[in-house]
Amino acid sequence: MLLRLGYDMLFEIPEPVACVAQLRVHPSRVAGLRGPDRVHVEPNVSIEEYTDSFGNLCTRFLAPPGQLRLKNDFLFEDSGLPDAASPYALAHPIAELPHDVLRFLLSSRYCEVDSLAPAAFDLFGNTVAGWDRVRAICNWVHAKVAFGYSFARPTKTALDVFTERQGVCRDFQHLAITFCRALGIPARYVAGYLGDIGVPVSDTPMDFSAWFEVYLENRWWTIDARHNAPRIGRVLMATGRDAADVAFFTSFGTANLKTFLVISDELTDGSTAKPAPQS
């Protein structure tokens, strides 16, 4: 399955500001690239690329005053298969987890494991520690939390979502992640592309998407508490403890977002692909 992916965003910068963008395809998925995946920055400024502590590809630069534009448009080949599942997968004893996985059991900026542990044990403590428990958590979050863009706010945590029972896609994932961690299942937050492929087309503008992954039987598995169903066409960009670790754009000062476009489309017979922009 061939996908067209990309973005085009415009910021107004009042004074010079240091910026970091996490907009590239994750290293684990670069084999699917069918064109260059570079962050095109306008105006032309010096950029530096590095890999952060979670293995994500980051682009760092100093934005001058005025308009800042970030864009990309490229092709990506995906298997077209739905999210993999393993209904009988069991959780690892914590003492046997790899060292680098342990941090995904801890509290983080948006995932207050200690505060929600009593609720997690009360709701899901009788489930089998593994896939069965993860599914029970996702079913509960999907059923109990109402989705709506008007419910979004940047400071909303998993505890807020549990109390208010409403949020956007990242809030669904934060709450499910927190329940999983509280019950000994490593869980990490994921950002990436997820177009309306194989499902009814939404009437809302395309955006980057959030889901999460759990560590069972020596690997990470894709889970989505918001949609709560296998999907096709996911393309991973970044992973972290929660949304704070995978922000697509971070400015260490003021950067006012003016326009925002995300492309995540399947190219079928008769489709035309726009070539990647050149800086």
C-alpha atoms as a PDB file:
ATOM      1  CA  MET A   1       0.000   0.000   0.000  1.00  0.00           C
ATOM      2  CA  LEU A   2       1.471   3.349  -1.076  1.00  0.00           C
ATOM      3  CA  LEU A   3       0.855   6.363   1.155  1.00  0.00           C
ATOM      4  CA  ARG A   4       1.369  10.050   0.608  1.00  0.00           C
ATOM      5  CA  LEU A   5       2.510  11.658   3.853  1.00  0.00           C
ATOM      6  CA  GLY A   6       3.544  15.150   4.824  1.00  0.00           C
ATOM      7  CA  TYR A   7       2.724  18.418   6.512  1.00  0.00           C
ATOM      8  CA  ASP A   8       2.766  22.165   5.934  1.00  0.00           C
ATOM      9  CA  MET A   9       2.722  24.495   8.927  1.00  0.00           C
ATOM     10  CA  LEU A  10       3.284  28.209   9.313  1.00  0.00           C
ATOM     11  CA  PHE A  11       4.356  30.084  12.445  1.00  0.00           C
ATOM     12  CA  GLU A  12       4.787  33.763  13.248  1.00  0.00           C
ATOM     13  CA  ILE A  13       8.008  34.351  15.169  1.00  0.00           C
ATOM     14  CA  PRO A  14       8.240  37.687  17.056  1.00  0.00           C
ATOM     15  CA  GLU A  15      11.913  37.333  18.010  1.00  0.00           C
ATOM     16  CA  PRO A  16      14.685  34.746  17.496  1.00  0.00           C
ATOM     17  CA  VAL A  17      13.765  31.443  19.147  1.00  0.00           C
ATOM     18  CA  ALA A  18      15.442  28.048  19.456  1.00  0.00           C
ATOM     19  CA  CYS A  19      13.270  25.230  18.077  1.00  0.00           C
ATOM     20  CA  VAL A  20      13.197  21.432  17.968  1.00  0.00           C
ATOM     21  CA  ALA A  21      10.955  19.520  15.550  1.00  0.00           C
ATOM     22  CA  GLN A  22      10.110  15.810  15.754  1.00  0.00           C
ATOM     23  CA  LEU A  23       8.628  15.379  12.307  1.00  0.00           C
ATOM     24  CA  ARG A  24      10.626  12.608  10.685  1.00  0.00           C
ATOM     25  CA  VAL A  25       9.594   8.976  10.308  1.00  0.00           C
ATOM     26  CA  HIS A  26      10.914   6.830  13.157  1.00  0.00           C
ATOM     27  CA  PRO A  27      14.138   4.887  12.425  1.00  0.00           C
ATOM     28  CA  SER A  28      12.228   1.606  12.809  1.00  0.00           C
ATOM     29  CA  ARG A  29      10.084   2.521   9.787  1.00  0.00           C
ATOM     30  CA  VAL A  30      12.585   4.095   7.377  1.00  0.00           C
ATOM     31  CA  ALA A  31      12.583   0.983   5.173  1.00  0.00           C
ATOM     32  CA  GLY A  32       9.159   2.103   3.930  1.00  0.00           C
ATOM     33  CA  LEU A  33      10.361   5.477   2.654  1.00  0.00           C
ATOM     34  CA  ARG A  34      10.019   5.927  -1.097  1.00  0.00           C
ATOM     35  CA  GLY A  35      11.423   9.427  -1.129  1.00  0.00           C
ATOM     36  CA  PRO A  36      13.499  11.797   1.008  1.00  0.00           C
ATOM     37  CA  ASP A  37      12.196  12.499   4.508  1.00  0.00           C
ATOM     38  CA  ARG A  38      13.631  15.873   5.453  1.00  0.00           C
ATOM     39  CA  VAL A  39      12.202  18.770   7.402  1.00  0.00           C
ATOM     40  CA  HIS A  40      12.154  21.669   4.936  1.00  0.00           C
ATOM     41  CA  VAL A  41      12.567  24.929   6.842  1.00  0.00           C
ATOM     42  CA  GLU A  42      11.759  28.358   5.384  1.00  0.00           C
ATOM     43  CA  PRO A  43      13.580  30.690   5.579  1.00  0.00           C
ATOM     44  CA  ASN A  44      16.712  28.695   4.905  1.00  0.00           C
ATOM     45  CA  VAL A  45      18.480  28.368   8.259  1.00  0.00           C
ATOM     46  CA  SER A  46      21.226  26.142   9.590  1.00  0.00           C
ATOM     47  CA  ILE A  47      19.755  22.934  11.025  1.00  0.00           C
ATOM     48  CA  GLU A  48      21.216  20.180  13.150  1.00  0.00           C
ATOM     49  CA  GLU A  49      19.758  16.670  13.356  1.00  0.00           C
ATOM     50  CA  TYR A  50      20.184  14.350  16.303  1.00  0.00           C
ATOM     51  CA  THR A  51      18.644  11.283  17.938  1.00  0.00           C
ATOM     52  CA  ASP A  52      17.106  11.810  21.375  1.00  0.00           C
ATOM     53  CA  SER A  53      17.212   9.433  24.360  1.00  0.00           C
ATOM     54  CA  PHE A  54      14.101   7.597  23.104  1.00  0.00           C
ATOM     55  CA  GLY A  55      15.561   6.955  19.639  1.00  0.00           C
ATOM     56  CA  ASN A  56      13.513   9.639  17.870  1.00  0.00           C
ATOM     57  CA  LEU A  57      14.942  11.738  15.024  1.00  0.00           C
ATOM     58  CA  CYS A  58      14.953  15.439  15.905  1.00  0.00           C
ATOM     59  CA  THR A  59      15.660  18.608  13.917  1.00  0.00           C
ATOM     60  CA  ARG A  60      17.118  21.587  15.790  1.00  0.00           C
ATOM     61  CA  PHE A  61      17.453  25.168  14.538  1.00  0.00           C
ATOM     62  CA  LEU A  62      17.264  28.832  15.465  1.00  0.00           C
ATOM     63  CA  ALA A  63      14.250  30.539  13.896  1.00  0.00           C
ATOM     64  CA  PRO A  64      14.654  34.237  13.002  1.00  0.00           C
ATOM     65  CA  PRO A  65      11.851  36.804  13.460  1.00  0.00           C
ATOM     66  CA  GLY A  66       9.090  36.699  10.864  1.00  0.00           C
ATOM     67  CA  GLN A  67       7.314  33.775   9.258  1.00  0.00           C
ATOM     68  CA  LEU A  68       8.586  30.244   9.791  1.00  0.00           C
ATOM     69  CA  ARG A  69       7.356  27.468   7.518  1.00  0.00           C
ATOM     70  CA  LEU A  70       7.958  23.732   8.047  1.00  0.00           C
ATOM     71  CA  LYS A  71       6.920  21.360   5.275  1.00  0.00           C
ATOM     72  CA  ASN A  72       7.447  17.946   3.729  1.00  0.00           C
ATOM     73  CA  ASP A  73       5.634  15.762   1.184  1.00  0.00           C
ATOM     74  CA  PHE A  74       6.833  12.230   0.486  1.00  0.00           C
ATOM     75  CA  LEU A  75       5.793   8.684  -0.374  1.00  0.00           C
ATOM     76  CA  PHE A  76       5.806   5.735   2.001  1.00  0.00           C
ATOM     77  CA  GLU A  77       5.146   2.055   1.344  1.00  0.00           C
ATOM     78  CA  ASP A  78       3.220   0.247   4.093  1.00  0.00           C
ATOM     79  CA  SER A  79       2.246  -3.410   4.330  1.00  0.00           C
ATOM     80  CA  GLY A  80      -1.449  -2.529   4.389  1.00  0.00           C
ATOM     81  CA  LEU A  81      -1.933  -5.024   7.220  1.00  0.00           C
ATOM     82  CA  PRO A  82      -3.951  -4.161  10.334  1.00  0.00           C
ATOM     83  CA  ASP A  83      -2.271  -3.738  13.713  1.00  0.00           C
ATOM     84  CA  ALA A  84      -0.749  -7.025  14.881  1.00  0.00           C
ATOM     85  CA  ALA A  85      -2.390  -8.808  17.803  1.00  0.00           C
ATOM     86  CA  SER A  86      -1.451 -11.610  20.193  1.00  0.00           C
ATOM     87  CA  PRO A  87      -4.482 -12.488  22.355  1.00  0.00           C
ATOM     88  CA  TYR A  88      -2.536 -14.942  24.531  1.00  0.00           C
ATOM     89  CA  ALA A  89       0.526 -12.762  25.158  1.00  0.00           C
ATOM     90  CA  LEU A  90       1.468 -12.520  28.834  1.00  0.00           C
ATOM     91  CA  ALA A  91       3.188  -9.768  30.773  1.00  0.00           C
ATOM     92  CA  HIS A  92       6.784 -10.181  31.881  1.00  0.00           C
ATOM     93  CA  PRO A  93       7.618 -10.337  35.583  1.00  0.00           C
ATOM     94  CA  ILE A  94       9.015  -6.893  36.297  1.00  0.00           C
ATOM     95  CA  ALA A  95      12.323  -8.376  37.485  1.00  0.00           C
ATOM     96  CA  GLU A  96      12.854  -9.842  33.999  1.00  0.00           C
ATOM     97  CA  LEU A  97      12.190  -6.682  31.957  1.00  0.00           C
ATOM     98  CA  PRO A  98      15.036  -5.170  29.908  1.00  0.00           C
ATOM     99  CA  HIS A  99      16.686  -2.202  31.599  1.00  0.00           C
ATOM    100  CA  ASP A 100      15.545   0.294  28.962  1.00  0.00           C
ATOM    101  CA  VAL A 101      11.905  -0.778  29.335  1.00  0.00           C
ATOM    102  CA  LEU A 102      11.650  -0.121  33.086  1.00  0.00           C
ATOM    103  CA  ARG A 103      11.152   3.638  32.639  1.00  0.00           C
ATOM    104  CA  PHE A 104       7.833   2.926  30.925  1.00  0.00           C
ATOM    105  CA  LEU A 105       6.425   1.685  34.249  1.00  0.00           C
ATOM    106  CA  LEU A 106       7.019   4.996  36.029  1.00  0.00           C
ATOM    107  CA  SER A 107       4.935   8.114  36.474  1.00  0.00           C
ATOM    108  CA  SER A 108       5.561  10.898  33.953  1.00  0.00           C
ATOM    109  CA  ARG A 109       4.339  14.407  33.156  1.00  0.00           C
ATOM    110  CA  TYR A 110       0.861  13.363  31.992  1.00  0.00           C
ATOM    111  CA  CYS A 111       0.634   9.871  33.510  1.00  0.00           C
ATOM    112  CA  GLU A 112       0.282   9.885  37.313  1.00  0.00           C
ATOM    113  CA  VAL A 113       0.704   6.191  38.035  1.00  0.00           C
ATOM    114  CA  ASP A 114       0.749   6.599  41.813  1.00  0.00           C
ATOM    115  CA  SER A 115      -2.531   8.561  41.870  1.00  0.00           C
ATOM    116  CA  LEU A 116      -4.418   6.142  39.624  1.00  0.00           C
ATOM    117  CA  ALA A 117      -2.992   2.842  40.922  1.00  0.00           C
ATOM    118  CA  PRO A 118      -5.897   2.211  43.368  1.00  0.00           C
ATOM    119  CA  ALA A 119      -8.453   2.699  40.582  1.00  0.00           C
ATOM    120  CA  ALA A 120      -6.446   0.480  38.214  1.00  0.00           C
ATOM    121  CA  PHE A 121      -6.327  -2.397  40.684  1.00  0.00           C
ATOM    122  CA  ASP A 122     -10.001  -1.965  41.530  1.00  0.00           C
ATOM    123  CA  LEU A 123     -11.108  -1.985  37.887  1.00  0.00           C
ATOM    124  CA  PHE A 124      -8.676  -4.456  36.303  1.00  0.00           C
ATOM    125  CA  GLY A 125      -6.901  -6.319  39.074  1.00  0.00           C
ATOM    126  CA  ASN A 126      -8.829  -9.531  38.393  1.00  0.00           C
ATOM    127  CA  THR A 127      -7.830  -9.731  34.723  1.00  0.00           C
ATOM    128  CA  VAL A 128      -4.975 -11.873  33.396  1.00  0.00           C
ATOM    129  CA  ALA A 129      -1.718  -9.885  33.329  1.00  0.00           C
ATOM    130  CA  GLY A 130      -1.105  -9.540  29.603  1.00  0.00           C
ATOM    131  CA  TRP A 131      -3.129  -8.984  26.447  1.00  0.00           C
ATOM    132  CA  ASP A 132      -6.385  -9.690  28.271  1.00  0.00           C
ATOM    133  CA  ARG A 133      -5.659  -6.913  30.779  1.00  0.00           C
ATOM    134  CA  VAL A 134      -4.651  -4.420  28.091  1.00  0.00           C
ATOM    135  CA  ARG A 135      -7.838  -5.105  26.136  1.00  0.00           C
ATOM    136  CA  ALA A 136      -9.949  -4.676  29.275  1.00  0.00           C
ATOM    137  CA  ILE A 137      -8.288  -1.319  29.940  1.00  0.00           C
ATOM    138  CA  CYS A 138      -8.830  -0.107  26.366  1.00  0.00           C
ATOM    139  CA  ASN A 139     -12.449  -1.255  26.335  1.00  0.00           C
ATOM    140  CA  TRP A 140     -13.099   0.643  29.562  1.00  0.00           C
ATOM    141  CA  VAL A 141     -11.371   3.857  28.445  1.00  0.00           C
ATOM    142  CA  HIS A 142     -13.071   3.756  25.042  1.00  0.00           C
ATOM    143  CA  ALA A 143     -16.490   3.292  26.640  1.00  0.00           C
ATOM    144  CA  LYS A 144     -16.141   5.716  29.549  1.00  0.00           C
ATOM    145  CA  VAL A 145     -14.346   8.698  27.973  1.00  0.00           C
ATOM    146  CA  ALA A 146     -16.176  10.982  25.538  1.00  0.00           C
ATOM    147  CA  PHE A 147     -14.216  12.281  22.544  1.00  0.00           C
ATOM    148  CA  GLY A 148     -14.371  15.904  21.452  1.00  0.00           C
ATOM    149  CA  TYR A 149     -11.905  18.535  20.196  1.00  0.00           C
ATOM    150  CA  SER A 150     -13.484  21.103  22.521  1.00  0.00           C
ATOM    151  CA  PHE A 151     -12.285  18.985  25.470  1.00  0.00           C
ATOM    152  CA  ALA A 152      -8.595  19.497  24.617  1.00  0.00           C
ATOM    153  CA  ARG A 153      -6.208  21.462  26.809  1.00  0.00           C
ATOM    154  CA  PRO A 154      -2.426  21.183  27.014  1.00  0.00           C
ATOM    155  CA  THR A 155      -2.315  20.674  30.775  1.00  0.00           C
ATOM    156  CA  LYS A 156      -4.806  17.780  30.939  1.00  0.00           C
ATOM    157  CA  THR A 157      -3.351  14.693  32.644  1.00  0.00           C
ATOM    158  CA  ALA A 158      -4.531  11.106  32.949  1.00  0.00           C
ATOM    159  CA  LEU A 159      -6.010  11.888  36.363  1.00  0.00           C
ATOM    160  CA  ASP A 160      -7.981  14.782  34.829  1.00  0.00           C
ATOM    161  CA  VAL A 161      -9.279  12.468  32.093  1.00  0.00           C
ATOM    162  CA  PHE A 162     -10.317   9.871  34.672  1.00  0.00           C
ATOM    163  CA  THR A 163     -12.174  12.552  36.646  1.00  0.00           C
ATOM    164  CA  GLU A 164     -13.746  14.445  33.749  1.00  0.00           C
ATOM    165  CA  ARG A 165     -14.344  11.451  31.415  1.00  0.00           C
ATOM    166  CA  GLN A 166     -13.698  13.467  28.254  1.00  0.00           C
ATOM    167  CA  GLY A 167     -10.779  14.332  26.006  1.00  0.00           C
ATOM    168  CA  VAL A 168      -9.030  14.017  22.645  1.00  0.00           C
ATOM    169  CA  CYS A 169      -6.979  11.110  21.308  1.00  0.00           C
ATOM    170  CA  ARG A 170      -3.899  11.836  23.402  1.00  0.00           C
ATOM    171  CA  ASP A 171      -6.025  11.877  26.564  1.00  0.00           C
ATOM    172  CA  PHE A 172      -7.425   8.406  25.828  1.00  0.00           C
ATOM    173  CA  GLN A 173      -3.880   7.101  25.433  1.00  0.00           C
ATOM    174  CA  HIS A 174      -2.571   8.803  28.577  1.00  0.00           C
ATOM    175  CA  LEU A 175      -5.260   7.245  30.735  1.00  0.00           C
ATOM    176  CA  ALA A 176      -4.795   3.765  29.264  1.00  0.00           C
ATOM    177  CA  ILE A 177      -1.001   4.043  29.561  1.00  0.00           C
ATOM    178  CA  THR A 178      -1.303   5.015  33.228  1.00  0.00           C
ATOM    179  CA  PHE A 179      -3.574   2.063  34.022  1.00  0.00           C
ATOM    180  CA  CYS A 180      -1.184  -0.326  32.252  1.00  0.00           C
ATOM    181  CA  ARG A 181       1.857   0.977  34.119  1.00  0.00           C
ATOM    182  CA  ALA A 182       0.045   0.845  37.451  1.00  0.00           C
ATOM    183  CA  LEU A 183      -0.587  -2.869  36.832  1.00  0.00           C
ATOM    184  CA  GLY A 184       2.977  -3.718  35.843  1.00  0.00           C
ATOM    185  CA  ILE A 185       2.682  -3.553  32.035  1.00  0.00           C
ATOM    186  CA  PRO A 186       5.223  -1.208  30.386  1.00  0.00           C
ATOM    187  CA  ALA A 187       3.460   1.279  28.129  1.00  0.00           C
ATOM    188  CA  ARG A 188       4.809   4.103  25.991  1.00  0.00           C
ATOM    189  CA  TYR A 189       3.151   6.952  24.113  1.00  0.00           C
ATOM    190  CA  VAL A 190       3.380   7.108  20.309  1.00  0.00           C
ATOM    191  CA  ALA A 191       2.883   9.876  17.754  1.00  0.00           C
ATOM    192  CA  GLY A 192       2.595   9.309  14.027  1.00  0.00           C
ATOM    193  CA  TYR A 193       0.516   9.396  10.863  1.00  0.00           C
ATOM    194  CA  LEU A 194      -2.875   7.663  10.805  1.00  0.00           C
ATOM    195  CA  GLY A 195      -5.102   8.602   7.900  1.00  0.00           C
ATOM    196  CA  ASP A 196      -8.730   7.658   7.345  1.00  0.00           C
ATOM    197  CA  ILE A 197      -7.749   4.502   5.471  1.00  0.00           C
ATOM    198  CA  GLY A 198     -10.121   1.548   5.528  1.00  0.00           C
ATOM    199  CA  VAL A 199     -12.597   3.521   7.646  1.00  0.00           C
ATOM    200  CA  PRO A 200     -15.211   6.209   6.922  1.00  0.00           C
ATOM    201  CA  VAL A 201     -13.547   9.527   6.128  1.00  0.00           C
ATOM    202  CA  SER A 202     -13.794  12.024   8.980  1.00  0.00           C
ATOM    203  CA  ASP A 203     -15.203  15.484   8.320  1.00  0.00           C
ATOM    204  CA  THR A 204     -12.500  17.060  10.496  1.00  0.00           C
ATOM    205  CA  PRO A 205      -9.094  18.202   9.153  1.00  0.00           C
ATOM    206  CA  MET A 206      -6.300  15.614   9.203  1.00  0.00           C
ATOM    207  CA  ASP A 207      -3.876  15.808  12.131  1.00  0.00           C
ATOM    208  CA  PHE A 208      -1.015  13.802  13.521  1.00  0.00           C
ATOM    209  CA  SER A 209      -2.338  10.947  15.634  1.00  0.00           C
ATOM    210  CA  ALA A 210      -1.569   9.418  19.023  1.00  0.00           C
ATOM    211  CA  TRP A 211      -1.665   5.803  20.123  1.00  0.00           C
ATOM    212  CA  PHE A 212       0.429   3.740  22.518  1.00  0.00           C
ATOM    213  CA  GLU A 213       2.451   0.548  22.737  1.00  0.00           C
ATOM    214  CA  VAL A 214       2.692  -2.134  25.421  1.00  0.00           C
ATOM    215  CA  TYR A 215       5.625  -4.459  26.061  1.00  0.00           C
ATOM    216  CA  LEU A 216       4.556  -8.117  26.168  1.00  0.00           C
ATOM    217  CA  GLU A 217       6.535 -11.253  25.299  1.00  0.00           C
ATOM    218  CA  ASN A 218       9.737  -9.442  24.339  1.00  0.00           C
ATOM    219  CA  ARG A 219       8.288  -6.868  21.932  1.00  0.00           C
ATOM    220  CA  TRP A 220       6.193  -3.728  21.664  1.00  0.00           C
ATOM    221  CA  TRP A 221       2.579  -4.023  20.440  1.00  0.00           C
ATOM    222  CA  THR A 222       0.456  -1.237  18.945  1.00  0.00           C
ATOM    223  CA  ILE A 223      -2.640  -0.364  20.976  1.00  0.00           C
ATOM    224  CA  ASP A 224      -5.190   2.431  20.447  1.00  0.00           C
ATOM    225  CA  ALA A 225      -7.638   3.300  23.230  1.00  0.00           C
ATOM    226  CA  ARG A 226      -9.228   6.075  21.172  1.00  0.00           C
ATOM    227  CA  HIS A 227     -10.323   3.973  18.172  1.00  0.00           C
ATOM    228  CA  ASN A 228     -10.185   0.625  20.010  1.00  0.00           C
ATOM    229  CA  ALA A 229      -9.951  -1.357  16.780  1.00  0.00           C
ATOM    230  CA  PRO A 230      -7.135  -2.543  14.493  1.00  0.00           C
ATOM    231  CA  ARG A 231      -6.254   0.035  11.849  1.00  0.00           C
ATOM    232  CA  ILE A 232      -4.133   0.056   8.703  1.00  0.00           C
ATOM    233  CA  GLY A 233      -1.696   2.675   7.493  1.00  0.00           C
ATOM    234  CA  ARG A 234      -0.100   3.716  10.784  1.00  0.00           C
ATOM    235  CA  VAL A 235       3.349   5.244  10.368  1.00  0.00           C
ATOM    236  CA  LEU A 236       5.356   5.741  13.541  1.00  0.00           C
ATOM    237  CA  MET A 237       7.183   9.028  14.072  1.00  0.00           C
ATOM    238  CA  ALA A 238       8.181   9.173  17.747  1.00  0.00           C
ATOM    239  CA  THR A 239       7.835   7.323  21.053  1.00  0.00           C
ATOM    240  CA  GLY A 240       8.209   8.520  24.640  1.00  0.00           C
ATOM    241  CA  ARG A 241       6.830   8.417  28.146  1.00  0.00           C
ATOM    242  CA  ASP A 242       3.896  10.671  27.223  1.00  0.00           C
ATOM    243  CA  ALA A 243       2.994  13.540  24.893  1.00  0.00           C
ATOM    244  CA  ALA A 244       5.645  15.810  26.398  1.00  0.00           C
ATOM    245  CA  ASP A 245       8.383  13.609  24.896  1.00  0.00           C
ATOM    246  CA  VAL A 246       7.025  13.493  21.334  1.00  0.00           C
ATOM    247  CA  ALA A 247       5.832  17.028  20.586  1.00  0.00           C
ATOM    248  CA  PHE A 248       6.041  17.629  16.810  1.00  0.00           C
ATOM    249  CA  PHE A 249       7.315  21.176  17.467  1.00  0.00           C
ATOM    250  CA  THR A 250       8.893  22.727  20.553  1.00  0.00           C
ATOM    251  CA  SER A 251       9.947  26.372  20.726  1.00  0.00           C
ATOM    252  CA  PHE A 252      11.909  27.742  23.656  1.00  0.00           C
ATOM    253  CA  GLY A 253      10.036  31.018  23.427  1.00  0.00           C
ATOM    254  CA  THR A 254       7.085  32.385  21.453  1.00  0.00           C
ATOM    255  CA  ALA A 255       6.061  30.805  18.131  1.00  0.00           C
ATOM    256  CA  ASN A 256       2.476  31.488  17.084  1.00  0.00           C
ATOM    257  CA  LEU A 257       0.952  28.767  14.891  1.00  0.00           C
ATOM    258  CA  LYS A 258      -0.964  30.320  11.976  1.00  0.00           C
ATOM    259  CA  THR A 259      -1.771  27.425   9.626  1.00  0.00           C
ATOM    260  CA  PHE A 260      -1.468  23.654   9.986  1.00  0.00           C
ATOM    261  CA  LEU A 261      -1.941  20.910   7.394  1.00  0.00           C
ATOM    262  CA  VAL A 262      -1.192  17.181   7.698  1.00  0.00           C
ATOM    263  CA  ILE A 263      -1.289  14.775   4.734  1.00  0.00           C
ATOM    264  CA  SER A 264      -1.959  11.057   5.279  1.00  0.00           C
ATOM    265  CA  ASP A 265      -3.592   9.538   2.203  1.00  0.00           C
ATOM    266  CA  GLU A 266      -3.557   6.205   0.402  1.00  0.00           C
ATOM    267  CA  LEU A 267      -2.607   6.444  -3.265  1.00  0.00           C
ATOM    268  CA  THR A 268      -4.862   4.223  -5.362  1.00  0.00           C
ATOM    269  CA  ASP A 269      -5.158   3.658  -9.113  1.00  0.00           C
ATOM    270  CA  GLY A 270      -5.594   7.037 -10.725  1.00  0.00           C
ATOM    271  CA  SER A 271      -4.149   8.946  -7.752  1.00  0.00           C
ATOM    272  CA  THR A 272      -1.478  11.500  -8.407  1.00  0.00           C
ATOM    273  CA  ALA A 273       1.402  12.148  -6.070  1.00  0.00           C
ATOM    274  CA  LYS A 274       2.756  15.622  -5.506  1.00  0.00           C
ATOM    275  CA  PRO A 275       6.564  15.527  -5.449  1.00  0.00           C
ATOM    276  CA  ALA A 276       8.386  16.432  -2.266  1.00  0.00           C
ATOM    277  CA  PRO A 277       9.126  20.145  -1.997  1.00  0.00           C
ATOM    278  CA  GLN A 278      12.705  21.231  -2.466  1.00  0.00           C
ATOM    279  CA  SER A 279      14.311  23.778  -0.183  1.00  0.00           C
END
